Amino acid sequence: MEIGNRLQEVRKAKGLSQRELATRAGLTNGTISLIEQNKTSPSVASLKSLLDAIPMSIAEFFATIEKNEEPKIFYTAEEFTEVSPQDGPYALSLRQLGNASQHSLQLLDETYPPGSDTGPELLSHDGEEAGIVLSGQIEITVGTQIHVLNSGDGYLFDSRTPHRFRNLGAVPCRVISACTPPTF
């Protein structure tokens, strides 16, 4: 899915101009234009700001409509949906299991290459978040607390508390996380 095309589709469906969306999200009109032309990819935090201004969750933004089908129960690794808009050497990967907008739980398979980061702006959204580090090391900021988690460690917090994830290590970090409700 092209992030820019989807953003433009959603923006127009909501009857918003680029300028209005930019003002609501605290971004420049030029930034919105570049994103919609797929000339730049927003950070996770910037995409969250844009979608909050619409309003729409990241899960809804990336949802595929499955009408008149039996609920899907099992998924192959290839059927996960990439919901991270970033690209480049420090781009993190957030692979979502199923269509979170149709459930009360969002489950993510997260991969943070060395140097990757959810962005300088702390994330904040309704819900609760929990995760377990499968491999590598991740620095997590939640409010004023900063902690480095290693393989086997976990976290659980109120997602309304501003938070950030960064891989300061030399190897990729993999985390399995859940958010309920799926407001991210």
N, C-alpha and C. Protein backbone atom coordinates (compact mmCIF):
# COMPACT_ATOMS: atom_id res chain seq x y z
N MET A 1 0.84 -1.18 0.00
CA MET A 1 0.00 0.00 0.00
C MET A 1 0.88 1.24 0.00
N GLU A 2 0.56 2.17 -0.85
CA GLU A 2 1.26 3.46 -0.89
C GLU A 2 0.63 4.37 0.16
N ILE A 3 1.44 4.76 1.15
CA ILE A 3 0.95 5.61 2.24
C ILE A 3 0.33 6.89 1.71
N GLY A 4 1.00 7.55 0.77
CA GLY A 4 0.53 8.82 0.24
C GLY A 4 -0.82 8.72 -0.43
N ASN A 5 -0.99 7.69 -1.26
CA ASN A 5 -2.27 7.49 -1.95
C ASN A 5 -3.39 7.27 -0.95
N ARG A 6 -3.12 6.46 0.07
CA ARG A 6 -4.13 6.17 1.09
C ARG A 6 -4.47 7.43 1.88
N LEU A 7 -3.45 8.22 2.25
CA LEU A 7 -3.70 9.45 3.00
C LEU A 7 -4.57 10.40 2.19
N GLN A 8 -4.25 10.55 0.92
CA GLN A 8 -5.04 11.44 0.06
C GLN A 8 -6.49 10.96 -0.05
N GLU A 9 -6.67 9.66 -0.20
CA GLU A 9 -8.01 9.06 -0.30
C GLU A 9 -8.82 9.35 0.98
N VAL A 10 -8.19 9.14 2.13
CA VAL A 10 -8.87 9.36 3.41
C VAL A 10 -9.16 10.84 3.62
N ARG A 11 -8.18 11.69 3.32
CA ARG A 11 -8.34 13.14 3.49
C ARG A 11 -9.52 13.64 2.66
N LYS A 12 -9.57 13.23 1.39
CA LYS A 12 -10.66 13.67 0.51
C LYS A 12 -12.01 13.12 0.96
N ALA A 13 -12.02 11.87 1.42
CA ALA A 13 -13.27 11.27 1.90
C ALA A 13 -13.82 12.03 3.11
N LYS A 14 -12.93 12.61 3.90
CA LYS A 14 -13.34 13.39 5.07
C LYS A 14 -13.60 14.85 4.73
N GLY A 15 -13.41 15.21 3.45
CA GLY A 15 -13.68 16.58 3.00
C GLY A 15 -12.67 17.60 3.49
N LEU A 16 -11.42 17.17 3.70
CA LEU A 16 -10.37 18.06 4.19
C LEU A 16 -9.44 18.48 3.07
N SER A 17 -9.03 19.73 3.08
CA SER A 17 -7.99 20.19 2.15
C SER A 17 -6.64 19.82 2.77
N GLN A 18 -5.59 19.84 1.95
CA GLN A 18 -4.24 19.61 2.48
C GLN A 18 -3.93 20.64 3.55
N ARG A 19 -4.30 21.88 3.30
CA ARG A 19 -4.02 22.97 4.24
C ARG A 19 -4.71 22.74 5.58
N GLU A 20 -5.99 22.34 5.53
CA GLU A 20 -6.75 22.09 6.76
C GLU A 20 -6.14 20.94 7.55
N LEU A 21 -5.78 19.85 6.87
CA LEU A 21 -5.17 18.71 7.54
C LEU A 21 -3.83 19.11 8.15
N ALA A 22 -3.03 19.87 7.41
CA ALA A 22 -1.73 20.33 7.91
C ALA A 22 -1.90 21.16 9.17
N THR A 23 -2.86 22.07 9.16
CA THR A 23 -3.11 22.92 10.34
C THR A 23 -3.52 22.08 11.53
N ARG A 24 -4.45 21.15 11.33
CA ARG A 24 -4.91 20.29 12.42
C ARG A 24 -3.79 19.42 12.99
N ALA A 25 -2.90 18.94 12.10
CA ALA A 25 -1.84 18.02 12.52
C ALA A 25 -0.57 18.73 12.98
N GLY A 26 -0.50 20.04 12.78
CA GLY A 26 0.70 20.78 13.18
C GLY A 26 1.86 20.55 12.23
N LEU A 27 1.56 20.27 10.97
CA LEU A 27 2.59 20.07 9.95
C LEU A 27 2.41 21.12 8.86
N THR A 28 3.37 21.19 7.95
CA THR A 28 3.25 22.16 6.85
C THR A 28 2.44 21.55 5.71
N ASN A 29 1.82 22.42 4.93
CA ASN A 29 1.08 22.00 3.74
C ASN A 29 2.02 21.26 2.79
N GLY A 30 3.26 21.74 2.67
CA GLY A 30 4.25 21.11 1.79
C GLY A 30 4.56 19.68 2.20
N THR A 31 4.61 19.44 3.52
CA THR A 31 4.87 18.09 4.02
C THR A 31 3.74 17.15 3.61
N ILE A 32 2.50 17.60 3.77
CA ILE A 32 1.35 16.78 3.37
C ILE A 32 1.43 16.46 1.88
N SER A 33 1.76 17.48 1.08
CA SER A 33 1.86 17.29 -0.37
C SER A 33 2.92 16.26 -0.72
N LEU A 34 4.09 16.35 -0.09
CA LEU A 34 5.17 15.39 -0.36
C LEU A 34 4.78 13.97 0.03
N ILE A 35 4.09 13.83 1.17
CA ILE A 35 3.65 12.51 1.61
C ILE A 35 2.64 11.94 0.61
N GLU A 36 1.67 12.77 0.20
CA GLU A 36 0.64 12.28 -0.72
C GLU A 36 1.19 11.93 -2.09
N GLN A 37 2.31 12.54 -2.47
CA GLN A 37 2.96 12.21 -3.74
C GLN A 37 3.94 11.05 -3.58
N ASN A 38 4.01 10.48 -2.38
CA ASN A 38 4.93 9.39 -2.05
C ASN A 38 6.38 9.78 -2.27
N LYS A 39 6.70 11.07 -2.08
CA LYS A 39 8.08 11.54 -2.21
C LYS A 39 8.80 11.53 -0.88
N THR A 40 8.05 11.38 0.22
CA THR A 40 8.64 11.24 1.54
C THR A 40 7.72 10.35 2.36
N SER A 41 8.30 9.69 3.35
CA SER A 41 7.51 8.84 4.25
C SER A 41 7.48 9.49 5.62
N PRO A 42 6.31 9.60 6.24
CA PRO A 42 6.24 10.20 7.57
C PRO A 42 6.78 9.24 8.62
N SER A 43 7.28 9.79 9.73
CA SER A 43 7.65 8.95 10.86
C SER A 43 6.36 8.38 11.44
N VAL A 44 6.49 7.38 12.31
CA VAL A 44 5.31 6.82 12.95
C VAL A 44 4.58 7.92 13.72
N ALA A 45 5.35 8.78 14.42
CA ALA A 45 4.74 9.86 15.20
C ALA A 45 4.01 10.85 14.30
N SER A 46 4.60 11.20 13.15
CA SER A 46 3.94 12.14 12.23
C SER A 46 2.67 11.54 11.64
N LEU A 47 2.72 10.26 11.26
CA LEU A 47 1.53 9.62 10.73
C LEU A 47 0.44 9.58 11.79
N LYS A 48 0.82 9.31 13.04
CA LYS A 48 -0.14 9.30 14.14
C LYS A 48 -0.78 10.67 14.29
N SER A 49 0.02 11.75 14.21
CA SER A 49 -0.51 13.12 14.30
C SER A 49 -1.49 13.40 13.17
N LEU A 50 -1.14 12.98 11.96
CA LEU A 50 -2.02 13.18 10.81
C LEU A 50 -3.35 12.46 11.01
N LEU A 51 -3.27 11.21 11.44
CA LEU A 51 -4.48 10.42 11.59
C LEU A 51 -5.33 10.89 12.77
N ASP A 52 -4.68 11.38 13.83
CA ASP A 52 -5.43 11.95 14.95
C ASP A 52 -6.22 13.18 14.49
N ALA A 53 -5.66 13.92 13.53
CA ALA A 53 -6.31 15.13 13.02
C ALA A 53 -7.51 14.81 12.13
N ILE A 54 -7.62 13.57 11.65
CA ILE A 54 -8.70 13.23 10.71
C ILE A 54 -10.06 13.00 11.39
N PRO A 55 -10.31 12.31 12.44
CA PRO A 55 -9.55 11.34 13.22
C PRO A 55 -9.74 9.90 12.70
N MET A 56 -8.65 9.12 12.85
CA MET A 56 -8.65 7.73 12.41
C MET A 56 -7.46 7.04 13.07
N SER A 57 -7.62 5.78 13.46
CA SER A 57 -6.50 5.04 14.04
C SER A 57 -5.60 4.50 12.93
N ILE A 58 -4.38 4.16 13.30
CA ILE A 58 -3.47 3.55 12.32
C ILE A 58 -4.04 2.22 11.85
N ALA A 59 -4.68 1.49 12.76
CA ALA A 59 -5.29 0.21 12.38
C ALA A 59 -6.35 0.41 11.30
N GLU A 60 -7.20 1.44 11.46
CA GLU A 60 -8.23 1.73 10.45
C GLU A 60 -7.59 2.16 9.14
N PHE A 61 -6.52 2.97 9.24
CA PHE A 61 -5.85 3.49 8.05
C PHE A 61 -5.34 2.36 7.16
N PHE A 62 -4.80 1.32 7.79
CA PHE A 62 -4.21 0.21 7.03
C PHE A 62 -5.17 -0.96 6.83
N ALA A 63 -6.40 -0.84 7.32
CA ALA A 63 -7.36 -1.94 7.23
C ALA A 63 -7.74 -2.23 5.79
N THR A 64 -7.89 -3.51 5.51
CA THR A 64 -8.46 -3.92 4.23
C THR A 64 -9.88 -4.37 4.51
N ILE A 65 -10.79 -4.02 3.67
CA ILE A 65 -12.20 -4.33 3.91
C ILE A 65 -12.47 -5.77 3.51
N GLU A 66 -12.97 -6.53 4.47
CA GLU A 66 -13.28 -7.94 4.24
C GLU A 66 -14.78 -8.12 4.43
N LYS A 67 -15.56 -7.73 3.45
CA LYS A 67 -17.02 -7.84 3.55
C LYS A 67 -17.47 -9.22 3.08
N ASN A 68 -18.52 -9.68 3.73
CA ASN A 68 -19.18 -10.93 3.36
C ASN A 68 -18.22 -12.12 3.33
N GLU A 69 -17.22 -12.11 4.17
CA GLU A 69 -16.30 -13.23 4.27
C GLU A 69 -16.37 -13.79 5.68
N GLU A 70 -16.08 -15.08 5.81
CA GLU A 70 -15.99 -15.65 7.14
C GLU A 70 -14.80 -15.02 7.85
N PRO A 71 -14.91 -14.83 9.16
CA PRO A 71 -13.78 -14.24 9.88
C PRO A 71 -12.52 -15.09 9.70
N LYS A 72 -11.42 -14.44 9.42
CA LYS A 72 -10.15 -15.14 9.23
C LYS A 72 -9.56 -15.44 10.61
N ILE A 73 -9.07 -16.64 10.79
CA ILE A 73 -8.53 -17.06 12.07
C ILE A 73 -7.02 -17.26 12.01
N PHE A 74 -6.53 -17.86 10.95
CA PHE A 74 -5.12 -18.18 10.84
C PHE A 74 -4.46 -17.35 9.75
N TYR A 75 -3.21 -16.96 9.97
CA TYR A 75 -2.48 -16.09 9.04
C TYR A 75 -1.07 -16.62 8.82
N THR A 76 -0.63 -16.60 7.59
CA THR A 76 0.77 -16.90 7.31
C THR A 76 1.57 -15.62 7.54
N ALA A 77 2.87 -15.75 7.66
CA ALA A 77 3.73 -14.58 7.88
C ALA A 77 3.56 -13.54 6.77
N GLU A 78 3.30 -14.00 5.55
CA GLU A 78 3.15 -13.10 4.41
C GLU A 78 1.84 -12.31 4.46
N GLU A 79 0.88 -12.75 5.28
CA GLU A 79 -0.42 -12.08 5.35
C GLU A 79 -0.48 -10.96 6.38
N PHE A 80 0.59 -10.78 7.15
CA PHE A 80 0.63 -9.66 8.09
C PHE A 80 0.66 -8.36 7.28
N THR A 81 0.12 -7.28 7.85
CA THR A 81 0.09 -5.98 7.17
C THR A 81 1.16 -5.08 7.75
N GLU A 82 2.05 -4.56 6.90
CA GLU A 82 3.08 -3.61 7.34
C GLU A 82 2.40 -2.27 7.59
N VAL A 83 2.45 -1.79 8.85
CA VAL A 83 1.79 -0.53 9.18
C VAL A 83 2.77 0.59 9.51
N SER A 84 4.06 0.35 9.32
CA SER A 84 5.04 1.41 9.53
C SER A 84 5.31 2.11 8.21
N PRO A 85 5.17 3.43 8.19
CA PRO A 85 5.33 4.16 6.93
C PRO A 85 6.77 4.49 6.58
N GLN A 86 7.72 4.14 7.42
CA GLN A 86 9.09 4.56 7.20
C GLN A 86 9.80 3.71 6.17
N ASP A 87 10.87 4.29 5.59
CA ASP A 87 11.76 3.52 4.73
C ASP A 87 13.18 4.00 4.99
N GLY A 88 14.15 3.31 4.44
CA GLY A 88 15.54 3.68 4.65
C GLY A 88 16.23 2.74 5.62
N PRO A 89 17.52 2.97 5.88
CA PRO A 89 18.31 2.04 6.69
C PRO A 89 17.88 1.95 8.15
N TYR A 90 17.24 2.99 8.70
CA TYR A 90 16.83 2.97 10.11
C TYR A 90 15.33 2.73 10.27
N ALA A 91 14.68 2.30 9.21
CA ALA A 91 13.23 2.12 9.23
C ALA A 91 12.86 0.92 10.08
N LEU A 92 11.90 1.13 10.96
CA LEU A 92 11.42 0.02 11.75
C LEU A 92 10.27 -0.65 11.01
N SER A 93 9.98 -1.87 11.38
CA SER A 93 8.90 -2.63 10.76
C SER A 93 7.86 -2.95 11.83
N LEU A 94 6.61 -2.60 11.56
CA LEU A 94 5.49 -2.93 12.44
C LEU A 94 4.51 -3.76 11.62
N ARG A 95 4.53 -5.08 11.84
CA ARG A 95 3.68 -5.98 11.06
C ARG A 95 2.47 -6.37 11.91
N GLN A 96 1.29 -6.01 11.43
CA GLN A 96 0.05 -6.23 12.17
C GLN A 96 -0.60 -7.54 11.77
N LEU A 97 -1.05 -8.29 12.78
CA LEU A 97 -1.78 -9.53 12.55
C LEU A 97 -3.25 -9.21 12.33
N GLY A 98 -3.76 -9.54 11.16
CA GLY A 98 -5.18 -9.35 10.87
C GLY A 98 -5.59 -7.89 10.74
N ASN A 99 -6.88 -7.68 10.73
CA ASN A 99 -7.46 -6.35 10.60
C ASN A 99 -7.88 -5.88 11.99
N ALA A 100 -7.01 -5.10 12.63
CA ALA A 100 -7.25 -4.67 14.01
C ALA A 100 -8.52 -3.85 14.16
N SER A 101 -8.95 -3.18 13.10
CA SER A 101 -10.16 -2.36 13.20
C SER A 101 -11.42 -3.21 13.37
N GLN A 102 -11.31 -4.51 13.13
CA GLN A 102 -12.45 -5.41 13.29
C GLN A 102 -12.38 -6.20 14.59
N HIS A 103 -11.41 -5.88 15.44
CA HIS A 103 -11.21 -6.60 16.70
C HIS A 103 -10.96 -5.62 17.83
N SER A 104 -10.94 -6.11 19.05
CA SER A 104 -10.66 -5.24 20.19
C SER A 104 -9.21 -5.35 20.64
N LEU A 105 -8.38 -5.97 19.81
CA LEU A 105 -6.96 -6.16 20.13
C LEU A 105 -6.13 -5.96 18.87
N GLN A 106 -4.99 -5.29 19.03
CA GLN A 106 -4.04 -5.13 17.93
C GLN A 106 -2.76 -5.85 18.34
N LEU A 107 -2.31 -6.78 17.51
CA LEU A 107 -1.09 -7.53 17.78
C LEU A 107 -0.07 -7.20 16.70
N LEU A 108 1.14 -6.82 17.14
CA LEU A 108 2.20 -6.41 16.22
C LEU A 108 3.46 -7.24 16.40
N ASP A 109 4.11 -7.55 15.29
CA ASP A 109 5.44 -8.14 15.25
C ASP A 109 6.35 -6.99 14.84
N GLU A 110 7.13 -6.47 15.79
CA GLU A 110 7.93 -5.27 15.57
C GLU A 110 9.40 -5.61 15.40
N THR A 111 10.05 -5.02 14.40
CA THR A 111 11.49 -5.18 14.21
C THR A 111 12.12 -3.80 14.14
N TYR A 112 13.11 -3.58 15.01
CA TYR A 112 13.82 -2.31 15.08
C TYR A 112 15.28 -2.54 14.68
N PRO A 113 15.68 -2.13 13.47
CA PRO A 113 17.09 -2.24 13.09
C PRO A 113 17.94 -1.34 14.00
N PRO A 114 19.24 -1.58 14.09
CA PRO A 114 20.09 -0.69 14.88
C PRO A 114 19.91 0.76 14.43
N GLY A 115 19.73 1.66 15.38
CA GLY A 115 19.56 3.08 15.07
C GLY A 115 18.13 3.50 14.81
N SER A 116 17.19 2.55 14.73
CA SER A 116 15.80 2.93 14.42
C SER A 116 15.11 3.49 15.66
N ASP A 117 14.02 4.20 15.40
CA ASP A 117 13.38 5.01 16.44
C ASP A 117 11.94 5.28 15.99
N THR A 118 11.00 5.33 16.93
CA THR A 118 9.63 5.67 16.56
C THR A 118 9.49 7.16 16.26
N GLY A 119 10.52 7.93 16.50
CA GLY A 119 10.51 9.36 16.17
C GLY A 119 10.77 10.21 17.40
N PRO A 120 11.24 11.43 17.19
CA PRO A 120 11.56 12.31 18.32
C PRO A 120 10.33 12.73 19.12
N GLU A 121 9.16 12.74 18.48
CA GLU A 121 7.92 13.06 19.19
C GLU A 121 7.43 11.81 19.90
N LEU A 122 7.11 11.94 21.18
CA LEU A 122 6.59 10.80 21.93
C LEU A 122 5.18 10.48 21.44
N LEU A 123 4.88 9.20 21.34
CA LEU A 123 3.55 8.74 20.91
C LEU A 123 2.61 8.72 22.11
N SER A 124 1.34 8.92 21.86
CA SER A 124 0.32 8.85 22.90
C SER A 124 -1.01 8.52 22.23
N HIS A 125 -1.72 7.54 22.75
CA HIS A 125 -3.02 7.14 22.19
C HIS A 125 -3.80 6.40 23.26
N ASP A 126 -5.09 6.29 23.09
CA ASP A 126 -5.92 5.57 24.05
C ASP A 126 -5.52 4.10 24.09
N GLY A 127 -5.74 3.48 25.23
CA GLY A 127 -5.51 2.05 25.35
C GLY A 127 -4.40 1.68 26.29
N GLU A 128 -4.09 0.39 26.29
CA GLU A 128 -2.98 -0.16 27.05
C GLU A 128 -2.10 -0.92 26.08
N GLU A 129 -0.82 -0.97 26.40
CA GLU A 129 0.16 -1.59 25.51
C GLU A 129 1.04 -2.53 26.32
N ALA A 130 1.37 -3.67 25.75
CA ALA A 130 2.25 -4.63 26.40
C ALA A 130 3.10 -5.31 25.34
N GLY A 131 4.27 -5.75 25.74
CA GLY A 131 5.12 -6.44 24.78
C GLY A 131 6.22 -7.23 25.45
N ILE A 132 6.80 -8.14 24.69
CA ILE A 132 7.92 -8.96 25.14
C ILE A 132 9.02 -8.87 24.09
N VAL A 133 10.24 -8.60 24.55
CA VAL A 133 11.39 -8.54 23.64
C VAL A 133 11.82 -9.97 23.33
N LEU A 134 11.79 -10.34 22.05
CA LEU A 134 12.20 -11.68 21.64
C LEU A 134 13.70 -11.78 21.43
N SER A 135 14.29 -10.71 20.86
CA SER A 135 15.73 -10.70 20.63
C SER A 135 16.22 -9.27 20.56
N GLY A 136 17.50 -9.08 20.86
CA GLY A 136 18.08 -7.75 20.81
C GLY A 136 17.78 -6.95 22.06
N GLN A 137 17.85 -5.65 21.91
CA GLN A 137 17.73 -4.72 23.03
C GLN A 137 16.99 -3.47 22.56
N ILE A 138 16.10 -2.94 23.40
CA ILE A 138 15.32 -1.75 23.03
C ILE A 138 15.25 -0.79 24.21
N GLU A 139 15.43 0.50 23.92
CA GLU A 139 15.25 1.52 24.95
C GLU A 139 13.82 2.04 24.82
N ILE A 140 13.09 2.00 25.92
CA ILE A 140 11.70 2.47 25.92
C ILE A 140 11.56 3.62 26.91
N THR A 141 10.97 4.70 26.43
CA THR A 141 10.65 5.84 27.27
C THR A 141 9.14 5.84 27.48
N VAL A 142 8.71 5.88 28.73
CA VAL A 142 7.30 5.98 29.08
C VAL A 142 7.19 7.10 30.11
N GLY A 143 6.61 8.22 29.70
CA GLY A 143 6.57 9.39 30.58
C GLY A 143 7.98 9.87 30.85
N THR A 144 8.37 9.90 32.11
CA THR A 144 9.72 10.34 32.48
C THR A 144 10.65 9.16 32.72
N GLN A 145 10.13 7.95 32.59
CA GLN A 145 10.95 6.76 32.82
C GLN A 145 11.58 6.27 31.52
N ILE A 146 12.86 5.96 31.59
CA ILE A 146 13.59 5.40 30.44
C ILE A 146 14.23 4.11 30.91
N HIS A 147 14.01 3.04 30.15
CA HIS A 147 14.56 1.74 30.55
C HIS A 147 15.00 0.97 29.30
N VAL A 148 16.09 0.23 29.43
CA VAL A 148 16.57 -0.63 28.35
C VAL A 148 16.14 -2.05 28.65
N LEU A 149 15.42 -2.66 27.71
CA LEU A 149 14.95 -4.03 27.87
C LEU A 149 15.76 -4.96 26.98
N ASN A 150 16.03 -6.15 27.49
CA ASN A 150 16.78 -7.17 26.77
C ASN A 150 15.86 -8.33 26.43
N SER A 151 16.37 -9.28 25.67
CA SER A 151 15.61 -10.46 25.27
C SER A 151 14.98 -11.11 26.50
N GLY A 152 13.67 -11.37 26.42
CA GLY A 152 12.94 -11.99 27.52
C GLY A 152 12.26 -10.99 28.45
N ASP A 153 12.67 -9.72 28.39
CA ASP A 153 12.05 -8.67 29.22
C ASP A 153 10.75 -8.21 28.58
N GLY A 154 9.91 -7.55 29.36
CA GLY A 154 8.63 -7.08 28.84
C GLY A 154 8.22 -5.74 29.42
N TYR A 155 7.11 -5.23 28.93
CA TYR A 155 6.57 -3.95 29.39
C TYR A 155 5.05 -3.98 29.33
N LEU A 156 4.43 -3.12 30.13
CA LEU A 156 2.98 -2.98 30.16
C LEU A 156 2.69 -1.58 30.69
N PHE A 157 1.97 -0.75 29.91
CA PHE A 157 1.69 0.61 30.36
C PHE A 157 0.43 1.17 29.71
N ASP A 158 -0.06 2.25 30.29
CA ASP A 158 -1.20 3.00 29.76
C ASP A 158 -0.69 3.79 28.56
N SER A 159 -1.23 3.53 27.38
CA SER A 159 -0.73 4.14 26.14
C SER A 159 -1.00 5.64 26.05
N ARG A 160 -1.82 6.17 26.96
CA ARG A 160 -2.03 7.62 26.98
C ARG A 160 -0.80 8.34 27.53
N THR A 161 0.07 7.60 28.23
CA THR A 161 1.33 8.16 28.70
C THR A 161 2.27 8.25 27.50
N PRO A 162 2.82 9.43 27.22
CA PRO A 162 3.72 9.57 26.06
C PRO A 162 4.86 8.56 26.11
N HIS A 163 5.14 7.93 24.95
CA HIS A 163 6.15 6.88 24.92
C HIS A 163 6.91 6.87 23.60
N ARG A 164 8.07 6.20 23.64
CA ARG A 164 8.98 6.14 22.49
C ARG A 164 9.80 4.86 22.57
N PHE A 165 10.14 4.30 21.41
CA PHE A 165 10.96 3.09 21.32
C PHE A 165 12.18 3.39 20.45
N ARG A 166 13.38 3.01 20.94
CA ARG A 166 14.61 3.23 20.16
C ARG A 166 15.54 2.03 20.31
N ASN A 167 16.15 1.62 19.20
CA ASN A 167 17.17 0.58 19.26
C ASN A 167 18.53 1.26 19.22
N LEU A 168 19.18 1.30 20.37
CA LEU A 168 20.51 1.90 20.46
C LEU A 168 21.60 0.84 20.34
N GLY A 169 21.20 -0.42 20.18
CA GLY A 169 22.15 -1.52 20.09
C GLY A 169 22.73 -1.70 18.70
N ALA A 170 23.56 -2.73 18.57
CA ALA A 170 24.25 -3.01 17.31
C ALA A 170 23.57 -4.10 16.48
N VAL A 171 22.53 -4.72 17.04
CA VAL A 171 21.81 -5.79 16.33
C VAL A 171 20.32 -5.45 16.30
N PRO A 172 19.58 -6.01 15.34
CA PRO A 172 18.13 -5.76 15.31
C PRO A 172 17.45 -6.23 16.59
N CYS A 173 16.37 -5.56 16.95
CA CYS A 173 15.56 -5.95 18.10
C CYS A 173 14.19 -6.36 17.59
N ARG A 174 13.68 -7.46 18.13
CA ARG A 174 12.35 -7.93 17.73
C ARG A 174 11.46 -8.00 18.96
N VAL A 175 10.27 -7.42 18.83
CA VAL A 175 9.30 -7.34 19.93
C VAL A 175 7.94 -7.83 19.41
N ILE A 176 7.24 -8.59 20.22
CA ILE A 176 5.85 -8.91 19.94
C ILE A 176 5.03 -8.09 20.94
N SER A 177 4.10 -7.27 20.42
CA SER A 177 3.34 -6.38 21.30
C SER A 177 1.85 -6.47 21.02
N ALA A 178 1.08 -6.02 22.01
CA ALA A 178 -0.37 -5.97 21.88
C ALA A 178 -0.86 -4.63 22.41
N CYS A 179 -1.91 -4.13 21.78
CA CYS A 179 -2.54 -2.88 22.20
C CYS A 179 -4.04 -3.11 22.21
N THR A 180 -4.68 -2.72 23.31
CA THR A 180 -6.13 -2.85 23.38
C THR A 180 -6.73 -1.61 24.01
N PRO A 181 -7.76 -1.05 23.42
CA PRO A 181 -8.27 -1.35 22.09
C PRO A 181 -7.27 -0.92 21.02
N PRO A 182 -7.45 -1.35 19.78
CA PRO A 182 -6.48 -1.02 18.72
C PRO A 182 -6.58 0.43 18.28
N THR A 183 -6.05 1.33 19.11
CA THR A 183 -6.13 2.76 18.81
C THR A 183 -4.86 3.30 18.21
N PHE A 184 -3.82 2.49 18.12
CA PHE A 184 -2.55 2.97 17.57
C PHE A 184 -2.66 3.13 16.08
